[in-house]
Amino acid sequence: MDGTTLSAPDEEAVTWHFRKHIGRVRASGYPLVRLVALVECGTRALVNAVFGPDDVGELAYTRLLLGHLDVEPCDSDLARPL
């Protein structure tokens, strides 16, 4: 599992859901989309992916992907309830 952020177009149709980062004076930059993907290690095949606003943390999106694993996670942070 790994996560990243992607820049989205700076258009009103996008910024209503994917907010811009707000500085001291005003919002700036492009809206960011957080993407978390589950990839099979041997073949590097994409198993599943989730994405959404950047203000939601990577661990929250990772928990959504746990149901697609065949084994229990060994990372204690992932095993905590939401």
Protein backbone atom coordinates (compact mmCIF):
# COMPACT_ATOMS: atom_id res chain seq x y z
CA MET A 1 0.00 0.00 0.00
CA ASP A 2 1.21 3.46 -0.81
CA GLY A 3 -0.27 6.91 -1.05
CA THR A 4 0.40 10.13 -2.88
CA THR A 5 -1.28 13.43 -3.73
CA LEU A 6 -2.17 14.65 -7.19
CA SER A 7 -2.98 18.16 -8.38
CA ALA A 8 -6.50 18.62 -9.71
CA PRO A 9 -7.66 21.27 -12.20
CA ASP A 10 -8.33 24.67 -10.65
CA GLU A 11 -11.97 24.81 -11.76
CA GLU A 12 -15.13 25.49 -9.78
CA ALA A 13 -16.54 22.07 -10.71
CA VAL A 14 -13.58 20.49 -8.90
CA THR A 15 -12.82 22.88 -6.03
CA TRP A 16 -16.23 22.44 -4.39
CA HIS A 17 -15.11 18.93 -3.35
CA PHE A 18 -11.30 19.05 -3.47
CA ARG A 19 -10.44 22.19 -1.54
CA LYS A 20 -7.44 24.42 -2.05
CA HIS A 21 -4.98 24.87 0.79
CA ILE A 22 -5.76 28.01 2.74
CA GLY A 23 -2.92 30.29 3.80
CA ARG A 24 -2.97 33.32 6.09
CA VAL A 25 -4.52 35.60 3.49
CA ARG A 26 -6.20 33.41 0.87
CA ALA A 27 -6.48 30.00 -0.74
CA SER A 28 -3.61 29.20 -3.08
CA GLY A 29 -2.33 26.56 -5.45
CA TYR A 30 -4.23 23.76 -7.07
CA PRO A 31 -6.65 21.51 -5.19
CA LEU A 32 -5.04 18.25 -4.08
CA VAL A 33 -6.47 14.74 -4.36
CA ARG A 34 -5.13 12.01 -2.06
CA LEU A 35 -4.69 8.60 -3.73
CA VAL A 36 -3.93 5.36 -1.86
CA ALA A 37 -3.32 2.18 -3.85
CA LEU A 38 -3.02 -1.48 -2.91
CA VAL A 39 -0.50 -3.24 -5.17
CA GLU A 40 0.46 -6.92 -5.29
CA CYS A 41 4.18 -7.25 -4.55
CA GLY A 42 5.12 -10.09 -6.89
CA THR A 43 3.40 -8.95 -10.07
CA ARG A 44 2.99 -5.27 -9.17
CA ALA A 45 -0.65 -5.58 -10.22
CA LEU A 46 -3.02 -2.91 -8.95
CA VAL A 47 -5.48 -4.64 -6.60
CA ASN A 48 -7.57 -1.62 -5.63
CA ALA A 49 -7.31 2.12 -5.05
CA VAL A 50 -9.25 4.84 -3.27
CA PHE A 51 -9.06 8.58 -3.60
CA GLY A 52 -10.66 11.65 -2.10
CA PRO A 53 -9.95 15.05 -0.57
CA ASP A 54 -6.45 15.71 0.78
CA ASP A 55 -7.75 16.75 4.20
CA VAL A 56 -8.55 13.08 4.94
CA GLY A 57 -5.43 11.26 6.09
CA GLU A 58 -3.72 8.42 4.28
CA LEU A 59 -4.48 5.96 7.10
CA ALA A 60 -8.23 6.56 6.77
CA TYR A 61 -8.10 5.65 3.08
CA THR A 62 -5.82 2.69 3.84
CA ARG A 63 -8.41 1.26 6.23
CA LEU A 64 -10.91 1.23 3.36
CA LEU A 65 -8.57 -1.08 1.43
CA LEU A 66 -7.97 -3.58 4.26
CA GLY A 67 -10.94 -5.71 3.20
CA HIS A 68 -9.09 -6.54 -0.02
CA LEU A 69 -6.19 -8.20 1.82
CA ASP A 70 -6.02 -11.96 2.44
CA VAL A 71 -3.88 -11.56 5.59
CA GLU A 72 -4.10 -9.55 8.76
CA PRO A 73 -2.10 -6.29 8.78
CA CYS A 74 0.97 -6.27 11.01
CA ASP A 75 1.04 -2.48 11.45
CA SER A 76 -0.64 -1.62 14.75
CA ASP A 77 -1.78 1.79 13.47
CA LEU A 78 -3.84 0.13 10.75
CA ALA A 79 -5.51 -2.27 13.13
CA ARG A 80 -7.01 0.49 15.31
CA PRO A 81 -10.73 1.15 14.86
CA LEU A 82 -11.83 4.37 13.14
